[in-house]
Amino acid sequence: MVRPAAALLLALGVATPLQAALFADDDARKAIIELRQRLTQMDARAQAQGDELQALRKALLDLNSQLDQLRSELAASRGAQENLTRELSELQRKQRDLLNATEERVRRLEPVKVTVDGREITVEPQERRAYEEAVALLRSGDFNAAATALSAFLRRWPVTGYVESAQFWLGNALYGKRDYKEAIAAFRVTAASNDHPRAPEALLAIGNCQVEMKDAKAARVTLSELMKAHPNSEAAKAAKERLASLK
């Protein structure tokens, strides 16, 4: 219940200390409410900014992850490219080696020109090698092996350009074995080719075989034939001396 004095003051429009306090409390409450609203708004903005920052951080992490993945893929791509480059280089090397080997095989099979006893002939590389190996056996003094090798050579290449020379050396190998009859047969093949450089020597060798066989009559005929067919040869001079010793 309002006291009379207070009622009178209210009626007169005069504020009492109590009313002043009430008014002050209202202002404070309004200020507090406004402050709380502002704080709430600030919290909301801060939350929104935090969410945005969090989203930015997540986006940055995603970008870093994508960047790492791209780097890995690039490294793998470079590694694959390096492997392909090495493989290509190895394939090219093998191709060159195969080409060189093929060319070498072709060269080994292609006929070659050689000069034997002053005559140029065309022979197979394998033929040339077999001939030279057989002659090397003779020059080493292995008459048996040389005779076998030269006989095999002539059976394999019966029409070779080496035929007269091979027969001449076969005759020498047989002579070294003291197989004079077979030696004469080999020498006659060479002697039959009058224009062959070994023909005079072959006739002289036949005469020597006949002497070894104690067939002086046949030896004189052969030596005389040599002097007539090849009068200017060194073999003819040797035949003349040998013929004189048979008289």
C-alpha atoms as a PDB file:
ATOM      1  CA  MET A   1       0.000   0.000   0.000  1.00  0.00           C
ATOM      2  CA  VAL A   2       1.385   3.356  -1.034  1.00  0.00           C
ATOM      3  CA  ARG A   3       1.848   5.788   1.698  1.00  0.00           C
ATOM      4  CA  PRO A   4       0.007   9.107   1.475  1.00  0.00           C
ATOM      5  CA  ALA A   5       3.187  11.077   1.156  1.00  0.00           C
ATOM      6  CA  ALA A   6       4.403   8.953  -1.668  1.00  0.00           C
ATOM      7  CA  ALA A   7       1.046   9.107  -3.360  1.00  0.00           C
ATOM      8  CA  LEU A   8       1.140  12.828  -3.157  1.00  0.00           C
ATOM      9  CA  LEU A   9       4.592  12.930  -4.682  1.00  0.00           C
ATOM     10  CA  LEU A  10       3.483  10.690  -7.493  1.00  0.00           C
ATOM     11  CA  ALA A  11       0.498  12.876  -8.066  1.00  0.00           C
ATOM     12  CA  LEU A  12       2.707  15.881  -8.264  1.00  0.00           C
ATOM     13  CA  GLY A  13       5.010  14.102 -10.732  1.00  0.00           C
ATOM     14  CA  VAL A  14       7.968  14.174  -8.445  1.00  0.00           C
ATOM     15  CA  ALA A  15      10.248  10.999  -8.724  1.00  0.00           C
ATOM     16  CA  THR A  16      11.156   9.371  -5.542  1.00  0.00           C
ATOM     17  CA  PRO A  17      14.535   7.660  -4.990  1.00  0.00           C
ATOM     18  CA  LEU A  18      12.785   4.347  -5.365  1.00  0.00           C
ATOM     19  CA  GLN A  19      11.476   5.278  -8.756  1.00  0.00           C
ATOM     20  CA  ALA A  20      14.903   6.480  -9.810  1.00  0.00           C
ATOM     21  CA  ALA A  21      16.311   3.156  -8.799  1.00  0.00           C
ATOM     22  CA  LEU A  22      13.622   1.341 -10.733  1.00  0.00           C
ATOM     23  CA  PHE A  23      14.355   3.388 -13.792  1.00  0.00           C
ATOM     24  CA  ALA A  24      18.076   2.715 -13.403  1.00  0.00           C
ATOM     25  CA  ASP A  25      17.426  -0.999 -13.135  1.00  0.00           C
ATOM     26  CA  ASP A  26      15.431  -0.975 -16.347  1.00  0.00           C
ATOM     27  CA  ASP A  27      18.206   0.776 -18.214  1.00  0.00           C
ATOM     28  CA  ALA A  28      20.720  -1.664 -16.872  1.00  0.00           C
ATOM     29  CA  ARG A  29      18.580  -4.583 -17.880  1.00  0.00           C
ATOM     30  CA  LYS A  30      18.157  -3.120 -21.342  1.00  0.00           C
ATOM     31  CA  ALA A  31      21.906  -2.590 -21.602  1.00  0.00           C
ATOM     32  CA  ILE A  32      22.580  -6.108 -20.432  1.00  0.00           C
ATOM     33  CA  ILE A  33      20.064  -7.498 -22.912  1.00  0.00           C
ATOM     34  CA  GLU A  34      21.600  -5.463 -25.712  1.00  0.00           C
ATOM     35  CA  LEU A  35      25.077  -6.576 -24.642  1.00  0.00           C
ATOM     36  CA  ARG A  36      23.955 -10.188 -24.545  1.00  0.00           C
ATOM     37  CA  GLN A  37      22.427  -9.818 -27.989  1.00  0.00           C
ATOM     38  CA  ARG A  38      25.621  -8.283 -29.265  1.00  0.00           C
ATOM     39  CA  LEU A  39      27.642 -11.054 -27.624  1.00  0.00           C
ATOM     40  CA  THR A  40      25.317 -13.628 -29.148  1.00  0.00           C
ATOM     41  CA  GLN A  41      25.731 -12.022 -32.544  1.00  0.00           C
ATOM     42  CA  MET A  42      29.497 -11.886 -32.065  1.00  0.00           C
ATOM     43  CA  ASP A  43      29.490 -15.539 -31.009  1.00  0.00           C
ATOM     44  CA  ALA A  44      27.457 -16.406 -34.080  1.00  0.00           C
ATOM     45  CA  ARG A  45      29.848 -14.473 -36.313  1.00  0.00           C
ATOM     46  CA  ALA A  46      32.812 -16.074 -34.580  1.00  0.00           C
ATOM     47  CA  GLN A  47      31.231 -19.484 -35.016  1.00  0.00           C
ATOM     48  CA  ALA A  48      30.580 -18.762 -38.672  1.00  0.00           C
ATOM     49  CA  GLN A  49      34.144 -17.527 -39.128  1.00  0.00           C
ATOM     50  CA  GLY A  50      35.417 -20.623 -37.282  1.00  0.00           C
ATOM     51  CA  ASP A  51      33.359 -22.856 -39.532  1.00  0.00           C
ATOM     52  CA  GLU A  52      34.643 -20.985 -42.551  1.00  0.00           C
ATOM     53  CA  LEU A  53      38.229 -21.280 -41.280  1.00  0.00           C
ATOM     54  CA  GLN A  54      37.706 -24.967 -40.645  1.00  0.00           C
ATOM     55  CA  ALA A  55      36.325 -25.369 -44.163  1.00  0.00           C
ATOM     56  CA  LEU A  56      39.325 -23.472 -45.533  1.00  0.00           C
ATOM     57  CA  ARG A  57      41.693 -25.699 -43.570  1.00  0.00           C
ATOM     58  CA  LYS A  58      39.940 -28.811 -44.880  1.00  0.00           C
ATOM     59  CA  ALA A  59      40.068 -27.446 -48.423  1.00  0.00           C
ATOM     60  CA  LEU A  60      43.782 -26.711 -47.964  1.00  0.00           C
ATOM     61  CA  LEU A  61      44.406 -30.243 -46.694  1.00  0.00           C
ATOM     62  CA  ASP A  62      42.488 -31.643 -49.657  1.00  0.00           C
ATOM     63  CA  LEU A  63      44.558 -29.516 -52.018  1.00  0.00           C
ATOM     64  CA  ASN A  64      47.770 -30.678 -50.347  1.00  0.00           C
ATOM     65  CA  SER A  65      46.614 -34.276 -50.626  1.00  0.00           C
ATOM     66  CA  GLN A  66      45.782 -33.783 -54.305  1.00  0.00           C
ATOM     67  CA  LEU A  67      49.141 -32.096 -54.814  1.00  0.00           C
ATOM     68  CA  ASP A  68      50.937 -35.038 -53.159  1.00  0.00           C
ATOM     69  CA  GLN A  69      48.978 -37.438 -55.338  1.00  0.00           C
ATOM     70  CA  LEU A  70      49.863 -35.457 -58.447  1.00  0.00           C
ATOM     71  CA  ARG A  71      53.516 -35.458 -57.409  1.00  0.00           C
ATOM     72  CA  SER A  72      53.398 -39.226 -56.906  1.00  0.00           C
ATOM     73  CA  GLU A  73      51.718 -39.716 -60.265  1.00  0.00           C
ATOM     74  CA  LEU A  74      54.270 -37.446 -61.912  1.00  0.00           C
ATOM     75  CA  ALA A  75      57.140 -39.357 -60.292  1.00  0.00           C
ATOM     76  CA  ALA A  76      55.579 -42.647 -61.399  1.00  0.00           C
ATOM     77  CA  SER A  77      55.114 -41.245 -64.891  1.00  0.00           C
ATOM     78  CA  ARG A  78      58.734 -40.125 -65.002  1.00  0.00           C
ATOM     79  CA  GLY A  79      59.830 -43.532 -63.742  1.00  0.00           C
ATOM     80  CA  ALA A  80      57.724 -45.256 -66.363  1.00  0.00           C
ATOM     81  CA  GLN A  81      59.140 -42.948 -69.027  1.00  0.00           C
ATOM     82  CA  GLU A  82      62.690 -43.690 -67.885  1.00  0.00           C
ATOM     83  CA  ASN A  83      61.932 -47.419 -67.984  1.00  0.00           C
ATOM     84  CA  LEU A  84      60.500 -47.074 -71.475  1.00  0.00           C
ATOM     85  CA  THR A  85      63.570 -45.094 -72.543  1.00  0.00           C
ATOM     86  CA  ARG A  86      65.873 -47.801 -71.150  1.00  0.00           C
ATOM     87  CA  GLU A  87      63.828 -50.540 -72.769  1.00  0.00           C
ATOM     88  CA  LEU A  88      63.857 -48.700 -76.088  1.00  0.00           C
ATOM     89  CA  SER A  89      67.615 -48.195 -75.831  1.00  0.00           C
ATOM     90  CA  GLU A  90      68.090 -51.898 -75.051  1.00  0.00           C
ATOM     91  CA  LEU A  91      65.878 -52.900 -77.977  1.00  0.00           C
ATOM     92  CA  GLN A  92      67.840 -50.609 -80.287  1.00  0.00           C
ATOM     93  CA  ARG A  93      71.117 -52.110 -79.036  1.00  0.00           C
ATOM     94  CA  LYS A  94      69.844 -55.644 -79.601  1.00  0.00           C
ATOM     95  CA  GLN A  95      68.645 -54.643 -83.061  1.00  0.00           C
ATOM     96  CA  ARG A  96      72.084 -53.247 -83.918  1.00  0.00           C
ATOM     97  CA  ASP A  97      73.778 -56.381 -82.572  1.00  0.00           C
ATOM     98  CA  LEU A  98      71.414 -58.586 -84.573  1.00  0.00           C
ATOM     99  CA  LEU A  99      71.997 -56.519 -87.704  1.00  0.00           C
ATOM    100  CA  ASN A 100      75.767 -56.665 -87.248  1.00  0.00           C
ATOM    101  CA  ALA A 101      75.629 -60.418 -86.617  1.00  0.00           C
ATOM    102  CA  THR A 102      73.476 -60.906 -89.704  1.00  0.00           C
ATOM    103  CA  GLU A 103      75.822 -58.830 -91.829  1.00  0.00           C
ATOM    104  CA  GLU A 104      78.781 -60.780 -90.462  1.00  0.00           C
ATOM    105  CA  ARG A 105      77.088 -64.085 -91.328  1.00  0.00           C
ATOM    106  CA  VAL A 106      76.319 -62.788 -94.811  1.00  0.00           C
ATOM    107  CA  ARG A 107      79.944 -61.730 -95.233  1.00  0.00           C
ATOM    108  CA  ARG A 108      81.073 -65.184 -94.155  1.00  0.00           C
ATOM    109  CA  LEU A 109      78.831 -66.772 -96.767  1.00  0.00           C
ATOM    110  CA  GLU A 110      79.564 -64.382 -99.617  1.00  0.00           C
ATOM    111  CA  PRO A 111      82.206 -65.523-102.137  1.00  0.00           C
ATOM    112  CA  VAL A 112      85.550 -63.779-101.865  1.00  0.00           C
ATOM    113  CA  LYS A 113      88.365 -63.205-104.311  1.00  0.00           C
ATOM    114  CA  VAL A 114      91.734 -64.666-103.379  1.00  0.00           C
ATOM    115  CA  THR A 115      95.058 -65.055-105.113  1.00  0.00           C
ATOM    116  CA  VAL A 116      96.674 -68.482-105.021  1.00  0.00           C
ATOM    117  CA  ASP A 117      99.833 -69.389-106.926  1.00  0.00           C
ATOM    118  CA  GLY A 118      99.598 -66.091-108.804  1.00  0.00           C
ATOM    119  CA  ARG A 119      96.030 -66.702-110.006  1.00  0.00           C
ATOM    120  CA  GLU A 120      92.945 -64.828-108.801  1.00  0.00           C
ATOM    121  CA  ILE A 121      89.961 -67.046-108.059  1.00  0.00           C
ATOM    122  CA  THR A 122      86.560 -66.658-106.371  1.00  0.00           C
ATOM    123  CA  VAL A 123      85.820 -69.065-103.524  1.00  0.00           C
ATOM    124  CA  GLU A 124      83.557 -69.466-100.533  1.00  0.00           C
ATOM    125  CA  PRO A 125      84.955 -68.235 -97.192  1.00  0.00           C
ATOM    126  CA  GLN A 126      84.598 -71.721 -95.696  1.00  0.00           C
ATOM    127  CA  GLU A 127      86.327 -73.204 -98.735  1.00  0.00           C
ATOM    128  CA  ARG A 128      89.223 -70.803 -98.343  1.00  0.00           C
ATOM    129  CA  ARG A 129      89.555 -71.583 -94.654  1.00  0.00           C
ATOM    130  CA  ALA A 130      89.570 -75.347 -95.231  1.00  0.00           C
ATOM    131  CA  TYR A 131      92.237 -75.040 -97.935  1.00  0.00           C
ATOM    132  CA  GLU A 132      94.514 -72.841 -95.845  1.00  0.00           C
ATOM    133  CA  GLU A 133      94.184 -75.121 -92.800  1.00  0.00           C
ATOM    134  CA  ALA A 134      95.083 -78.186 -94.878  1.00  0.00           C
ATOM    135  CA  VAL A 135      98.137 -76.490 -96.393  1.00  0.00           C
ATOM    136  CA  ALA A 136      99.200 -75.327 -92.924  1.00  0.00           C
ATOM    137  CA  LEU A 137      99.214 -78.970 -91.781  1.00  0.00           C
ATOM    138  CA  LEU A 138     101.540 -79.850 -94.643  1.00  0.00           C
ATOM    139  CA  ARG A 139     103.897 -76.999 -93.862  1.00  0.00           C
ATOM    140  CA  SER A 140     104.023 -78.127 -90.235  1.00  0.00           C
ATOM    141  CA  GLY A 141     105.330 -81.509 -91.444  1.00  0.00           C
ATOM    142  CA  ASP A 142     102.223 -83.505 -90.533  1.00  0.00           C
ATOM    143  CA  PHE A 143     101.962 -85.381 -93.866  1.00  0.00           C
ATOM    144  CA  ASN A 144      99.272 -87.824 -92.747  1.00  0.00           C
ATOM    145  CA  ALA A 145      96.924 -85.129 -91.455  1.00  0.00           C
ATOM    146  CA  ALA A 146      97.638 -82.927 -94.480  1.00  0.00           C
ATOM    147  CA  ALA A 147      96.885 -85.740 -96.933  1.00  0.00           C
ATOM    148  CA  THR A 148      93.628 -86.522 -95.143  1.00  0.00           C
ATOM    149  CA  ALA A 149      92.584 -82.849 -95.011  1.00  0.00           C
ATOM    150  CA  LEU A 150      93.436 -82.161 -98.674  1.00  0.00           C
ATOM    151  CA  SER A 151      91.641 -85.304 -99.850  1.00  0.00           C
ATOM    152  CA  ALA A 152      88.553 -84.306 -97.861  1.00  0.00           C
ATOM    153  CA  PHE A 153      88.791 -80.793 -99.273  1.00  0.00           C
ATOM    154  CA  LEU A 154      88.834 -82.042-102.869  1.00  0.00           C
ATOM    155  CA  ARG A 155      85.899 -84.362-102.238  1.00  0.00           C
ATOM    156  CA  ARG A 156      83.831 -81.504-100.838  1.00  0.00           C
ATOM    157  CA  TRP A 157      84.830 -78.971-103.513  1.00  0.00           C
ATOM    158  CA  PRO A 158      85.691 -81.060-106.580  1.00  0.00           C
ATOM    159  CA  VAL A 159      85.468 -78.117-109.013  1.00  0.00           C
ATOM    160  CA  THR A 160      87.094 -75.531-106.777  1.00  0.00           C
ATOM    161  CA  GLY A 161      89.419 -72.891-108.144  1.00  0.00           C
ATOM    162  CA  TYR A 162      91.972 -74.360-105.758  1.00  0.00           C
ATOM    163  CA  VAL A 163      91.908 -77.757-107.491  1.00  0.00           C
ATOM    164  CA  GLU A 164      95.337 -77.611-109.207  1.00  0.00           C
ATOM    165  CA  SER A 165      97.031 -76.107-106.146  1.00  0.00           C
ATOM    166  CA  ALA A 166      95.266 -78.504-103.771  1.00  0.00           C
ATOM    167  CA  GLN A 167      96.306 -81.491-105.918  1.00  0.00           C
ATOM    168  CA  PHE A 168      99.887 -80.231-105.974  1.00  0.00           C
ATOM    169  CA  TRP A 169     100.031 -80.004-102.168  1.00  0.00           C
ATOM    170  CA  LEU A 170      98.255 -83.343-101.837  1.00  0.00           C
ATOM    171  CA  GLY A 171     100.977 -84.846-104.031  1.00  0.00           C
ATOM    172  CA  ASN A 172     103.617 -83.360-101.712  1.00  0.00           C
ATOM    173  CA  ALA A 173     101.855 -84.785 -98.636  1.00  0.00           C
ATOM    174  CA  LEU A 174     101.690 -88.244-100.253  1.00  0.00           C
ATOM    175  CA  TYR A 175     105.333 -87.964-101.310  1.00  0.00           C
ATOM    176  CA  GLY A 176     106.179 -87.204 -97.666  1.00  0.00           C
ATOM    177  CA  LYS A 177     104.327 -90.414 -96.734  1.00  0.00           C
ATOM    178  CA  ARG A 178     106.332 -92.290 -99.415  1.00  0.00           C
ATOM    179  CA  ASP A 179     103.087 -93.108-101.210  1.00  0.00           C
ATOM    180  CA  TYR A 180     104.677 -92.365-104.584  1.00  0.00           C
ATOM    181  CA  LYS A 181     102.023 -93.947-106.789  1.00  0.00           C
ATOM    182  CA  GLU A 182      99.203 -91.860-105.317  1.00  0.00           C
ATOM    183  CA  ALA A 183     101.456 -88.811-105.278  1.00  0.00           C
ATOM    184  CA  ILE A 184     102.036 -89.167-109.048  1.00  0.00           C
ATOM    185  CA  ALA A 185      98.252 -89.291-109.611  1.00  0.00           C
ATOM    186  CA  ALA A 186      97.814 -86.042-107.670  1.00  0.00           C
ATOM    187  CA  PHE A 187     100.737 -84.287-109.392  1.00  0.00           C
ATOM    188  CA  ARG A 188      99.406 -85.219-112.842  1.00  0.00           C
ATOM    189  CA  VAL A 189      96.230 -83.177-112.248  1.00  0.00           C
ATOM    190  CA  THR A 190      98.347 -80.081-111.706  1.00  0.00           C
ATOM    191  CA  ALA A 191     100.796 -80.899-114.502  1.00  0.00           C
ATOM    192  CA  ALA A 192      97.899 -81.301-116.967  1.00  0.00           C
ATOM    193  CA  SER A 193      97.136 -77.580-116.620  1.00  0.00           C
ATOM    194  CA  ASN A 194     100.097 -76.270-118.640  1.00  0.00           C
ATOM    195  CA  ASP A 195      99.394 -72.622-117.810  1.00  0.00           C
ATOM    196  CA  HIS A 196      99.290 -73.226-114.075  1.00  0.00           C
ATOM    197  CA  PRO A 197     102.333 -71.818-112.234  1.00  0.00           C
ATOM    198  CA  ARG A 198     102.801 -75.125-110.387  1.00  0.00           C
ATOM    199  CA  ALA A 199     102.708 -77.279-113.546  1.00  0.00           C
ATOM    200  CA  PRO A 200     106.519 -77.385-114.031  1.00  0.00           C
ATOM    201  CA  GLU A 201     107.058 -78.272-110.350  1.00  0.00           C
ATOM    202  CA  ALA A 202     104.402 -80.970-110.617  1.00  0.00           C
ATOM    203  CA  LEU A 203     106.233 -82.613-113.556  1.00  0.00           C
ATOM    204  CA  LEU A 204     109.515 -82.440-111.672  1.00  0.00           C
ATOM    205  CA  ALA A 205     107.836 -84.023-108.639  1.00  0.00           C
ATOM    206  CA  ILE A 206     106.473 -86.830-110.825  1.00  0.00           C
ATOM    207  CA  GLY A 207     109.990 -87.497-112.096  1.00  0.00           C
ATOM    208  CA  ASN A 208     111.293 -87.586-108.533  1.00  0.00           C
ATOM    209  CA  CYS A 209     108.577 -90.066-107.544  1.00  0.00           C
ATOM    210  CA  GLN A 210     109.515 -92.278-110.467  1.00  0.00           C
ATOM    211  CA  VAL A 211     113.158 -92.133-109.414  1.00  0.00           C
ATOM    212  CA  GLU A 212     112.164 -93.165-105.886  1.00  0.00           C
ATOM    213  CA  MET A 213     110.188 -96.035-107.429  1.00  0.00           C
ATOM    214  CA  LYS A 214     113.359 -97.106-109.312  1.00  0.00           C
ATOM    215  CA  ASP A 215     111.672 -96.409-112.657  1.00  0.00           C
ATOM    216  CA  ALA A 216     114.498 -94.488-114.291  1.00  0.00           C
ATOM    217  CA  LYS A 217     113.069 -94.908-117.792  1.00  0.00           C
ATOM    218  CA  ALA A 218     109.776 -93.275-116.855  1.00  0.00           C
ATOM    219  CA  ALA A 219     111.648 -90.580-114.953  1.00  0.00           C
ATOM    220  CA  ARG A 220     113.727 -89.685-118.035  1.00  0.00           C
ATOM    221  CA  VAL A 221     110.558 -89.389-120.123  1.00  0.00           C
ATOM    222  CA  THR A 222     108.894 -87.130-117.560  1.00  0.00           C
ATOM    223  CA  LEU A 223     111.950 -84.918-117.090  1.00  0.00           C
ATOM    224  CA  SER A 224     112.406 -84.562-120.820  1.00  0.00           C
ATOM    225  CA  GLU A 225     108.745 -83.625-121.164  1.00  0.00           C
ATOM    226  CA  LEU A 226     109.230 -80.972-118.496  1.00  0.00           C
ATOM    227  CA  MET A 227     112.234 -79.454-120.282  1.00  0.00           C
ATOM    228  CA  LYS A 228     110.300 -79.332-123.513  1.00  0.00           C
ATOM    229  CA  ALA A 229     107.038 -77.942-122.137  1.00  0.00           C
ATOM    230  CA  HIS A 230     108.569 -75.397-119.734  1.00  0.00           C
ATOM    231  CA  PRO A 231     112.098 -74.721-120.964  1.00  0.00           C
ATOM    232  CA  ASN A 232     112.551 -71.411-119.100  1.00  0.00           C
ATOM    233  CA  SER A 233     111.319 -72.583-115.708  1.00  0.00           C
ATOM    234  CA  GLU A 234     113.448 -73.219-112.639  1.00  0.00           C
ATOM    235  CA  ALA A 235     112.003 -76.738-112.592  1.00  0.00           C
ATOM    236  CA  ALA A 236     113.426 -77.334-116.110  1.00  0.00           C
ATOM    237  CA  LYS A 237     116.901 -76.435-114.876  1.00  0.00           C
ATOM    238  CA  ALA A 238     116.531 -78.858-111.972  1.00  0.00           C
ATOM    239  CA  ALA A 239     115.177 -81.509-114.365  1.00  0.00           C
ATOM    240  CA  LYS A 240     118.235 -81.125-116.599  1.00  0.00           C
ATOM    241  CA  GLU A 241     120.558 -81.744-113.675  1.00  0.00           C
ATOM    242  CA  ARG A 242     118.469 -84.668-112.479  1.00  0.00           C
ATOM    243  CA  LEU A 243     118.374 -86.142-115.972  1.00  0.00           C
ATOM    244  CA  ALA A 244     122.155 -85.966-116.221  1.00  0.00           C
ATOM    245  CA  SER A 245     122.483 -87.866-112.946  1.00  0.00           C
ATOM    246  CA  LEU A 246     120.331 -90.690-114.345  1.00  0.00           C
ATOM    247  CA  LYS A 247     122.666 -91.482-117.243  1.00  0.00           C
END
